[in-house]
Amino acid sequence: MVSSYRRALQIIPSVLPADFGNLGAAVKKMEISGCHRIQFDVMDGNFVPNVTFGPDTIRHCRKYTNLPFEVQLMISETCLDSMLTEFVEVAMGANKEPGGE
């Protein structure tokens, strides 16, 4: 059965290909370009072989935009146990609304 319900298209780019040395500027450019939210792909080097960034980096990016953040966690259970609350907090919007829908 095909549903007639259509969801609105949203643009949610990842910061992963950005220059980490200028991450704040990259986040601002994403906002200016008209995206709907920003995705942070968090990798811990254990669950997946790459390492990206943690909650402090995401928290730092909040001052550059009010767009909602989404955090995709590709992290081991040990890291998740100790940092889940912090990742939830940094993904909240400027007014403490949840990052995703």
PDB file of N, CA and C in Angstrom:
ATOM      1  N   MET A   1       0.837  -1.174   0.000  1.00  0.00           N
ATOM      2  CA  MET A   1       0.000   0.000   0.000  1.00  0.00           C
ATOM      3  C   MET A   1       0.892   1.251   0.000  1.00  0.00           C
ATOM      4  N   VAL A   2       0.591   2.168  -0.835  1.00  0.00           N
ATOM      5  CA  VAL A   2       1.353   3.405  -0.944  1.00  0.00           C
ATOM      6  C   VAL A   2       0.638   4.483  -0.145  1.00  0.00           C
ATOM      7  N   SER A   3       1.381   5.163   0.691  1.00  0.00           N
ATOM      8  CA  SER A   3       0.817   6.223   1.519  1.00  0.00           C
ATOM      9  C   SER A   3       0.775   7.527   0.743  1.00  0.00           C
ATOM     10  N   SER A   4      -0.264   8.302   0.970  1.00  0.00           N
ATOM     11  CA  SER A   4      -0.358   9.616   0.326  1.00  0.00           C
ATOM     12  C   SER A   4       0.295  10.698   1.183  1.00  0.00           C
ATOM     13  N   TYR A   5       0.748  10.322   2.388  1.00  0.00           N
ATOM     14  CA  TYR A   5       1.399  11.276   3.282  1.00  0.00           C
ATOM     15  C   TYR A   5       2.779  11.630   2.746  1.00  0.00           C
ATOM     16  N   ARG A   6       3.059  12.904   2.669  1.00  0.00           N
ATOM     17  CA  ARG A   6       4.376  13.365   2.217  1.00  0.00           C
ATOM     18  C   ARG A   6       5.003  14.210   3.306  1.00  0.00           C
ATOM     19  N   ARG A   7       6.255  13.888   3.578  1.00  0.00           N
ATOM     20  CA  ARG A   7       6.996  14.686   4.552  1.00  0.00           C
ATOM     21  C   ARG A   7       7.710  15.806   3.828  1.00  0.00           C
ATOM     22  N   ALA A   8       7.871  16.914   4.518  1.00  0.00           N
ATOM     23  CA  ALA A   8       8.604  18.043   3.951  1.00  0.00           C
ATOM     24  C   ALA A   8      10.077  17.675   3.802  1.00  0.00           C
ATOM     25  N   LEU A   9      10.654  18.068   2.705  1.00  0.00           N
ATOM     26  CA  LEU A   9      12.075  17.829   2.465  1.00  0.00           C
ATOM     27  C   LEU A   9      12.898  18.724   3.387  1.00  0.00           C
ATOM     28  N   GLN A  10      13.910  18.140   4.021  1.00  0.00           N
ATOM     29  CA  GLN A  10      14.811  18.911   4.864  1.00  0.00           C
ATOM     30  C   GLN A  10      16.245  18.639   4.443  1.00  0.00           C
ATOM     31  N   ILE A  11      17.048  19.677   4.461  1.00  0.00           N
ATOM     32  CA  ILE A  11      18.474  19.570   4.167  1.00  0.00           C
ATOM     33  C   ILE A  11      19.206  19.541   5.509  1.00  0.00           C
ATOM     34  N   ILE A  12      19.938  18.427   5.761  1.00  0.00           N
ATOM     35  CA  ILE A  12      20.640  18.246   7.031  1.00  0.00           C
ATOM     36  C   ILE A  12      22.084  17.836   6.731  1.00  0.00           C
ATOM     37  N   PRO A  13      22.946  18.803   6.427  1.00  0.00           N
ATOM     38  CA  PRO A  13      24.340  18.460   6.100  1.00  0.00           C
ATOM     39  C   PRO A  13      25.136  18.063   7.336  1.00  0.00           C
ATOM     40  N   SER A  14      26.152  17.278   7.100  1.00  0.00           N
ATOM     41  CA  SER A  14      27.079  16.870   8.152  1.00  0.00           C
ATOM     42  C   SER A  14      28.280  17.809   8.155  1.00  0.00           C
ATOM     43  N   VAL A  15      28.831  18.046   9.320  1.00  0.00           N
ATOM     44  CA  VAL A  15      30.043  18.858   9.421  1.00  0.00           C
ATOM     45  C   VAL A  15      31.298  18.042   9.148  1.00  0.00           C
ATOM     46  N   LEU A  16      31.130  16.740   8.981  1.00  0.00           N
ATOM     47  CA  LEU A  16      32.284  15.853   8.838  1.00  0.00           C
ATOM     48  C   LEU A  16      33.286  16.284   7.760  1.00  0.00           C
ATOM     49  N   PRO A  17      32.852  16.736   6.579  1.00  0.00           N
ATOM     50  CA  PRO A  17      33.844  17.148   5.585  1.00  0.00           C
ATOM     51  C   PRO A  17      34.396  18.565   5.789  1.00  0.00           C
ATOM     52  N   ALA A  18      33.927  19.260   6.822  1.00  0.00           N
ATOM     53  CA  ALA A  18      34.371  20.642   7.060  1.00  0.00           C
ATOM     54  C   ALA A  18      35.807  20.682   7.573  1.00  0.00           C
ATOM     55  N   ASP A  19      36.424  21.837   7.461  1.00  0.00           N
ATOM     56  CA  ASP A  19      37.744  22.092   8.041  1.00  0.00           C
ATOM     57  C   ASP A  19      37.548  22.255   9.545  1.00  0.00           C
ATOM     58  N   PHE A  20      38.018  21.291  10.341  1.00  0.00           N
ATOM     59  CA  PHE A  20      37.794  21.332  11.785  1.00  0.00           C
ATOM     60  C   PHE A  20      38.439  22.545  12.436  1.00  0.00           C
ATOM     61  N   GLY A  21      39.432  23.122  11.799  1.00  0.00           N
ATOM     62  CA  GLY A  21      40.056  24.330  12.321  1.00  0.00           C
ATOM     63  C   GLY A  21      39.175  25.555  12.179  1.00  0.00           C
ATOM     64  N   ASN A  22      38.165  25.469  11.319  1.00  0.00           N
ATOM     65  CA  ASN A  22      37.223  26.573  11.098  1.00  0.00           C
ATOM     66  C   ASN A  22      35.787  26.072  11.203  1.00  0.00           C
ATOM     67  N   LEU A  23      35.535  25.203  12.159  1.00  0.00           N
ATOM     68  CA  LEU A  23      34.233  24.561  12.273  1.00  0.00           C
ATOM     69  C   LEU A  23      33.105  25.561  12.542  1.00  0.00           C
ATOM     70  N   GLY A  24      33.366  26.557  13.358  1.00  0.00           N
ATOM     71  CA  GLY A  24      32.345  27.578  13.631  1.00  0.00           C
ATOM     72  C   GLY A  24      31.927  28.301  12.362  1.00  0.00           C
ATOM     73  N   ALA A  25      32.897  28.678  11.547  1.00  0.00           N
ATOM     74  CA  ALA A  25      32.590  29.354  10.279  1.00  0.00           C
ATOM     75  C   ALA A  25      31.827  28.426   9.341  1.00  0.00           C
ATOM     76  N   ALA A  26      32.167  27.141   9.343  1.00  0.00           N
ATOM     77  CA  ALA A  26      31.465  26.178   8.486  1.00  0.00           C
ATOM     78  C   ALA A  26      30.013  26.030   8.919  1.00  0.00           C
ATOM     79  N   VAL A  27      29.777  25.980  10.219  1.00  0.00           N
ATOM     80  CA  VAL A  27      28.416  25.881  10.746  1.00  0.00           C
ATOM     81  C   VAL A  27      27.614  27.118  10.342  1.00  0.00           C
ATOM     82  N   LYS A  28      28.213  28.284  10.441  1.00  0.00           N
ATOM     83  CA  LYS A  28      27.531  29.528  10.059  1.00  0.00           C
ATOM     84  C   LYS A  28      27.206  29.519   8.570  1.00  0.00           C
ATOM     85  N   LYS A  29      28.137  29.038   7.736  1.00  0.00           N
ATOM     86  CA  LYS A  29      27.883  28.966   6.293  1.00  0.00           C
ATOM     87  C   LYS A  29      26.723  28.023   5.986  1.00  0.00           C
ATOM     88  N   MET A  30      26.627  26.922   6.731  1.00  0.00           N
ATOM     89  CA  MET A  30      25.503  25.998   6.533  1.00  0.00           C
ATOM     90  C   MET A  30      24.184  26.689   6.841  1.00  0.00           C
ATOM     91  N   GLU A  31      24.169  27.460   7.914  1.00  0.00           N
ATOM     92  CA  GLU A  31      22.950  28.193   8.276  1.00  0.00           C
ATOM     93  C   GLU A  31      22.576  29.195   7.176  1.00  0.00           C
ATOM     94  N   ILE A  32      23.552  29.966   6.729  1.00  0.00           N
ATOM     95  CA  ILE A  32      23.306  30.973   5.693  1.00  0.00           C
ATOM     96  C   ILE A  32      22.828  30.341   4.395  1.00  0.00           C
ATOM     97  N   SER A  33      23.312  29.121   4.110  1.00  0.00           N
ATOM     98  CA  SER A  33      22.935  28.458   2.857  1.00  0.00           C
ATOM     99  C   SER A  33      21.501  27.932   2.880  1.00  0.00           C
ATOM    100  N   GLY A  34      20.867  27.930   4.053  1.00  0.00           N
ATOM    101  CA  GLY A  34      19.461  27.563   4.120  1.00  0.00           C
ATOM    102  C   GLY A  34      19.156  26.152   4.582  1.00  0.00           C
ATOM    103  N   CYS A  35      20.125  25.467   5.167  1.00  0.00           N
ATOM    104  CA  CYS A  35      19.827  24.110   5.643  1.00  0.00           C
ATOM    105  C   CYS A  35      18.900  24.181   6.858  1.00  0.00           C
ATOM    106  N   HIS A  36      18.292  23.051   7.182  1.00  0.00           N
ATOM    107  CA  HIS A  36      17.309  23.002   8.251  1.00  0.00           C
ATOM    108  C   HIS A  36      17.889  22.611   9.608  1.00  0.00           C
ATOM    109  N   ARG A  37      18.927  21.816   9.620  1.00  0.00           N
ATOM    110  CA  ARG A  37      19.651  21.421  10.825  1.00  0.00           C
ATOM    111  C   ARG A  37      21.048  21.007  10.431  1.00  0.00           C
ATOM    112  N   ILE A  38      21.864  20.714  11.426  1.00  0.00           N
ATOM    113  CA  ILE A  38      23.250  20.339  11.173  1.00  0.00           C
ATOM    114  C   ILE A  38      23.540  19.027  11.893  1.00  0.00           C
ATOM    115  N   GLN A  39      24.173  18.114  11.186  1.00  0.00           N
ATOM    116  CA  GLN A  39      24.487  16.806  11.761  1.00  0.00           C
ATOM    117  C   GLN A  39      25.957  16.718  12.148  1.00  0.00           C
ATOM    118  N   PHE A  40      26.185  16.190  13.339  1.00  0.00           N
ATOM    119  CA  PHE A  40      27.529  15.926  13.839  1.00  0.00           C
ATOM    120  C   PHE A  40      27.705  14.415  13.931  1.00  0.00           C
ATOM    121  N   ASP A  41      28.616  13.879  13.159  1.00  0.00           N
ATOM    122  CA  ASP A  41      28.904  12.442  13.173  1.00  0.00           C
ATOM    123  C   ASP A  41      30.025  12.197  14.176  1.00  0.00           C
ATOM    124  N   VAL A  42      29.682  11.623  15.308  1.00  0.00           N
ATOM    125  CA  VAL A  42      30.642  11.407  16.389  1.00  0.00           C
ATOM    126  C   VAL A  42      31.183   9.986  16.298  1.00  0.00           C
ATOM    127  N   MET A  43      32.491   9.868  16.135  1.00  0.00           N
ATOM    128  CA  MET A  43      33.154   8.569  16.025  1.00  0.00           C
ATOM    129  C   MET A  43      34.267   8.507  17.064  1.00  0.00           C
ATOM    130  N   ASP A  44      34.330   7.389  17.793  1.00  0.00           N
ATOM    131  CA  ASP A  44      35.258   7.304  18.924  1.00  0.00           C
ATOM    132  C   ASP A  44      36.529   6.495  18.670  1.00  0.00           C
ATOM    133  N   GLY A  45      36.707   5.951  17.484  1.00  0.00           N
ATOM    134  CA  GLY A  45      37.903   5.173  17.211  1.00  0.00           C
ATOM    135  C   GLY A  45      37.812   3.732  17.675  1.00  0.00           C
ATOM    136  N   ASN A  46      36.747   3.384  18.388  1.00  0.00           N
ATOM    137  CA  ASN A  46      36.536   2.007  18.851  1.00  0.00           C
ATOM    138  C   ASN A  46      35.384   1.355  18.097  1.00  0.00           C
ATOM    139  N   PHE A  47      34.223   1.958  18.152  1.00  0.00           N
ATOM    140  CA  PHE A  47      33.054   1.428  17.456  1.00  0.00           C
ATOM    141  C   PHE A  47      33.276   1.463  15.945  1.00  0.00           C
ATOM    142  N   VAL A  48      33.870   2.530  15.484  1.00  0.00           N
ATOM    143  CA  VAL A  48      34.322   2.677  14.096  1.00  0.00           C
ATOM    144  C   VAL A  48      35.788   3.114  14.144  1.00  0.00           C
ATOM    145  N   PRO A  49      36.551   2.885  13.093  1.00  0.00           N
ATOM    146  CA  PRO A  49      37.993   3.173  13.174  1.00  0.00           C
ATOM    147  C   PRO A  49      38.362   4.657  13.176  1.00  0.00           C
ATOM    148  N   ASN A  50      37.470   5.538  12.818  1.00  0.00           N
ATOM    149  CA  ASN A  50      37.806   6.962  12.765  1.00  0.00           C
ATOM    150  C   ASN A  50      37.511   7.641  14.102  1.00  0.00           C
ATOM    151  N   VAL A  51      38.161   8.777  14.335  1.00  0.00           N
ATOM    152  CA  VAL A  51      37.916   9.606  15.503  1.00  0.00           C
ATOM    153  C   VAL A  51      37.514  10.986  14.998  1.00  0.00           C
ATOM    154  N   THR A  52      36.453  11.553  15.558  1.00  0.00           N
ATOM    155  CA  THR A  52      36.055  12.898  15.134  1.00  0.00           C
ATOM    156  C   THR A  52      36.147  13.866  16.308  1.00  0.00           C
ATOM    157  N   PHE A  53      35.058  14.085  17.013  1.00  0.00           N
ATOM    158  CA  PHE A  53      35.041  15.084  18.075  1.00  0.00           C
ATOM    159  C   PHE A  53      34.049  14.668  19.151  1.00  0.00           C
ATOM    160  N   GLY A  54      34.063  15.410  20.242  1.00  0.00           N
ATOM    161  CA  GLY A  54      33.185  15.109  21.364  1.00  0.00           C
ATOM    162  C   GLY A  54      32.231  16.244  21.666  1.00  0.00           C
ATOM    163  N   PRO A  55      31.563  16.163  22.793  1.00  0.00           N
ATOM    164  CA  PRO A  55      30.553  17.159  23.158  1.00  0.00           C
ATOM    165  C   PRO A  55      31.079  18.586  23.235  1.00  0.00           C
ATOM    166  N   ASP A  56      32.317  18.780  23.672  1.00  0.00           N
ATOM    167  CA  ASP A  56      32.845  20.145  23.798  1.00  0.00           C
ATOM    168  C   ASP A  56      32.902  20.859  22.450  1.00  0.00           C
ATOM    169  N   THR A  57      33.274  20.152  21.408  1.00  0.00           N
ATOM    170  CA  THR A  57      33.328  20.747  20.066  1.00  0.00           C
ATOM    171  C   THR A  57      31.936  21.124  19.595  1.00  0.00           C
ATOM    172  N   ILE A  58      30.969  20.246  19.819  1.00  0.00           N
ATOM    173  CA  ILE A  58      29.589  20.525  19.419  1.00  0.00           C
ATOM    174  C   ILE A  58      29.048  21.711  20.212  1.00  0.00           C
ATOM    175  N   ARG A  59      29.313  21.738  21.502  1.00  0.00           N
ATOM    176  CA  ARG A  59      28.877  22.846  22.357  1.00  0.00           C
ATOM    177  C   ARG A  59      29.469  24.164  21.851  1.00  0.00           C
ATOM    178  N   HIS A  60      30.724  24.162  21.442  1.00  0.00           N
ATOM    179  CA  HIS A  60      31.387  25.368  20.928  1.00  0.00           C
ATOM    180  C   HIS A  60      30.679  25.889  19.674  1.00  0.00           C
ATOM    181  N   CYS A  61      30.180  24.982  18.844  1.00  0.00           N
ATOM    182  CA  CYS A  61      29.512  25.378  17.592  1.00  0.00           C
ATOM    183  C   CYS A  61      28.162  26.047  17.830  1.00  0.00           C
ATOM    184  N   ARG A  62      27.555  25.842  18.985  1.00  0.00           N
ATOM    185  CA  ARG A  62      26.238  26.423  19.272  1.00  0.00           C
ATOM    186  C   ARG A  62      26.258  27.942  19.172  1.00  0.00           C
ATOM    187  N   LYS A  63      27.377  28.573  19.520  1.00  0.00           N
ATOM    188  CA  LYS A  63      27.406  30.042  19.496  1.00  0.00           C
ATOM    189  C   LYS A  63      27.393  30.610  18.074  1.00  0.00           C
ATOM    190  N   TYR A  64      27.530  29.759  17.049  1.00  0.00           N
ATOM    191  CA  TYR A  64      27.545  30.220  15.666  1.00  0.00           C
ATOM    192  C   TYR A  64      26.201  30.090  14.957  1.00  0.00           C
ATOM    193  N   THR A  65      25.246  29.368  15.563  1.00  0.00           N
ATOM    194  CA  THR A  65      23.958  29.167  14.900  1.00  0.00           C
ATOM    195  C   THR A  65      22.881  28.790  15.910  1.00  0.00           C
ATOM    196  N   ASN A  66      21.644  29.051  15.549  1.00  0.00           N
ATOM    197  CA  ASN A  66      20.501  28.609  16.342  1.00  0.00           C
ATOM    198  C   ASN A  66      19.808  27.419  15.685  1.00  0.00           C
ATOM    199  N   LEU A  67      20.368  26.921  14.582  1.00  0.00           N
ATOM    200  CA  LEU A  67      19.775  25.760  13.927  1.00  0.00           C
ATOM    201  C   LEU A  67      19.808  24.551  14.855  1.00  0.00           C
ATOM    202  N   PRO A  68      18.833  23.656  14.718  1.00  0.00           N
ATOM    203  CA  PRO A  68      18.879  22.415  15.492  1.00  0.00           C
ATOM    204  C   PRO A  68      20.086  21.565  15.092  1.00  0.00           C
ATOM    205  N   PHE A  69      20.631  20.857  16.041  1.00  0.00           N
ATOM    206  CA  PHE A  69      21.730  19.924  15.799  1.00  0.00           C
ATOM    207  C   PHE A  69      21.203  18.498  15.904  1.00  0.00           C
ATOM    208  N   GLU A  70      21.763  17.621  15.114  1.00  0.00           N
ATOM    209  CA  GLU A  70      21.546  16.186  15.250  1.00  0.00           C
ATOM    210  C   GLU A  70      22.909  15.570  15.506  1.00  0.00           C
ATOM    211  N   VAL A  71      22.945  14.609  16.402  1.00  0.00           N
ATOM    212  CA  VAL A  71      24.205  13.954  16.735  1.00  0.00           C
ATOM    213  C   VAL A  71      24.058  12.473  16.435  1.00  0.00           C
ATOM    214  N   GLN A  72      24.848  11.985  15.492  1.00  0.00           N
ATOM    215  CA  GLN A  72      24.870  10.567  15.161  1.00  0.00           C
ATOM    216  C   GLN A  72      26.038   9.956  15.910  1.00  0.00           C
ATOM    217  N   LEU A  73      25.727   9.082  16.864  1.00  0.00           N
ATOM    218  CA  LEU A  73      26.756   8.500  17.718  1.00  0.00           C
ATOM    219  C   LEU A  73      27.203   7.148  17.184  1.00  0.00           C
ATOM    220  N   MET A  74      28.446   7.083  16.759  1.00  0.00           N
ATOM    221  CA  MET A  74      29.074   5.830  16.354  1.00  0.00           C
ATOM    222  C   MET A  74      30.192   5.585  17.362  1.00  0.00           C
ATOM    223  N   ILE A  75      29.756   5.263  18.576  1.00  0.00           N
ATOM    224  CA  ILE A  75      30.674   5.150  19.699  1.00  0.00           C
ATOM    225  C   ILE A  75      30.417   3.846  20.466  1.00  0.00           C
ATOM    226  N   SER A  76      31.428   3.388  21.168  1.00  0.00           N
ATOM    227  CA  SER A  76      31.306   2.147  21.932  1.00  0.00           C
ATOM    228  C   SER A  76      30.419   2.350  23.159  1.00  0.00           C
ATOM    229  N   GLU A  77      29.955   1.258  23.705  1.00  0.00           N
ATOM    230  CA  GLU A  77      29.063   1.309  24.855  1.00  0.00           C
ATOM    231  C   GLU A  77      29.714   2.009  26.046  1.00  0.00           C
ATOM    232  N   THR A  78      31.006   1.816  26.249  1.00  0.00           N
ATOM    233  CA  THR A  78      31.704   2.457  27.367  1.00  0.00           C
ATOM    234  C   THR A  78      31.640   3.976  27.234  1.00  0.00           C
ATOM    235  N   CYS A  79      31.900   4.467  26.051  1.00  0.00           N
ATOM    236  CA  CYS A  79      31.838   5.911  25.809  1.00  0.00           C
ATOM    237  C   CYS A  79      30.402   6.403  25.942  1.00  0.00           C
ATOM    238  N   LEU A  80      29.466   5.627  25.438  1.00  0.00           N
ATOM    239  CA  LEU A  80      28.056   6.010  25.499  1.00  0.00           C
ATOM    240  C   LEU A  80      27.590   6.132  26.943  1.00  0.00           C
ATOM    241  N   ASP A  81      27.954   5.162  27.780  1.00  0.00           N
ATOM    242  CA  ASP A  81      27.552   5.191  29.188  1.00  0.00           C
ATOM    243  C   ASP A  81      28.034   6.452  29.886  1.00  0.00           C
ATOM    244  N   SER A  82      29.219   6.870  29.587  1.00  0.00           N
ATOM    245  CA  SER A  82      29.782   8.013  30.304  1.00  0.00           C
ATOM    246  C   SER A  82      29.432   9.365  29.686  1.00  0.00           C
ATOM    247  N   MET A  83      28.992   9.398  28.425  1.00  0.00           N
ATOM    248  CA  MET A  83      28.807  10.692  27.759  1.00  0.00           C
ATOM    249  C   MET A  83      27.425  10.916  27.152  1.00  0.00           C
ATOM    250  N   LEU A  84      26.502   9.970  27.251  1.00  0.00           N
ATOM    251  CA  LEU A  84      25.200  10.109  26.584  1.00  0.00           C
ATOM    252  C   LEU A  84      24.470  11.379  27.010  1.00  0.00           C
ATOM    253  N   THR A  85      24.401  11.635  28.300  1.00  0.00           N
ATOM    254  CA  THR A  85      23.704  12.826  28.791  1.00  0.00           C
ATOM    255  C   THR A  85      24.308  14.093  28.197  1.00  0.00           C
ATOM    256  N   GLU A  86      25.602  14.144  28.116  1.00  0.00           N
ATOM    257  CA  GLU A  86      26.272  15.328  27.570  1.00  0.00           C
ATOM    258  C   GLU A  86      25.966  15.497  26.078  1.00  0.00           C
ATOM    259  N   PHE A  87      25.947  14.394  25.316  1.00  0.00           N
ATOM    260  CA  PHE A  87      25.605  14.484  23.896  1.00  0.00           C
ATOM    261  C   PHE A  87      24.159  14.945  23.703  1.00  0.00           C
ATOM    262  N   VAL A  88      23.249  14.492  24.549  1.00  0.00           N
ATOM    263  CA  VAL A  88      21.852  14.943  24.467  1.00  0.00           C
ATOM    264  C   VAL A  88      21.783  16.446  24.719  1.00  0.00           C
ATOM    265  N   GLU A  89      22.499  16.928  25.712  1.00  0.00           N
ATOM    266  CA  GLU A  89      22.488  18.353  26.046  1.00  0.00           C
ATOM    267  C   GLU A  89      23.034  19.214  24.911  1.00  0.00           C
ATOM    268  N   VAL A  90      24.149  18.814  24.307  1.00  0.00           N
ATOM    269  CA  VAL A  90      24.743  19.659  23.262  1.00  0.00           C
ATOM    270  C   VAL A  90      23.942  19.616  21.962  1.00  0.00           C
ATOM    271  N   ALA A  91      23.093  18.608  21.793  1.00  0.00           N
ATOM    272  CA  ALA A  91      22.267  18.532  20.582  1.00  0.00           C
ATOM    273  C   ALA A  91      21.000  19.367  20.696  1.00  0.00           C
ATOM    274  N   MET A  92      20.690  19.855  21.880  1.00  0.00           N
ATOM    275  CA  MET A  92      19.490  20.670  22.077  1.00  0.00           C
ATOM    276  C   MET A  92      19.629  21.994  21.338  1.00  0.00           C
ATOM    277  N   GLY A  93      18.501  22.528  20.957  1.00  0.00           N
ATOM    278  CA  GLY A  93      18.481  23.817  20.277  1.00  0.00           C
ATOM    279  C   GLY A  93      18.833  24.958  21.221  1.00  0.00           C
ATOM    280  N   ALA A  94      18.887  26.135  20.660  1.00  0.00           N
ATOM    281  CA  ALA A  94      19.245  27.322  21.438  1.00  0.00           C
ATOM    282  C   ALA A  94      18.282  27.561  22.587  1.00  0.00           C
ATOM    283  N   ASN A  95      17.022  27.123  22.424  1.00  0.00           N
ATOM    284  CA  ASN A  95      16.007  27.283  23.481  1.00  0.00           C
ATOM    285  C   ASN A  95      15.763  25.971  24.205  1.00  0.00           C
ATOM    286  N   LYS A  96      16.732  25.064  24.148  1.00  0.00           N
ATOM    287  CA  LYS A  96      16.686  23.754  24.817  1.00  0.00           C
ATOM    288  C   LYS A  96      15.652  22.798  24.213  1.00  0.00           C
ATOM    289  N   GLU A  97      15.230  23.034  22.970  1.00  0.00           N
ATOM    290  CA  GLU A  97      14.344  22.095  22.301  1.00  0.00           C
ATOM    291  C   GLU A  97      15.164  20.941  21.753  1.00  0.00           C
ATOM    292  N   PRO A  98      14.559  19.752  21.596  1.00  0.00           N
ATOM    293  CA  PRO A  98      15.309  18.609  21.061  1.00  0.00           C
ATOM    294  C   PRO A  98      15.864  18.913  19.677  1.00  0.00           C
ATOM    295  N   GLY A  99      16.997  18.309  19.346  1.00  0.00           N
ATOM    296  CA  GLY A  99      17.628  18.558  18.059  1.00  0.00           C
ATOM    297  C   GLY A  99      16.904  17.927  16.886  1.00  0.00           C
ATOM    298  N   GLY A 100      16.346  16.762  17.042  1.00  0.00           N
ATOM    299  CA  GLY A 100      15.682  16.085  15.937  1.00  0.00           C
ATOM    300  C   GLY A 100      14.196  16.009  16.119  1.00  0.00           C
ATOM    301  N   GLU A 101      13.540  15.599  15.077  1.00  0.00           N
ATOM    302  CA  GLU A 101      12.089  15.412  15.146  1.00  0.00           C
ATOM    303  C   GLU A 101      11.768  13.945  15.080  1.00  0.00           C
TER     304      GLU A 101
END
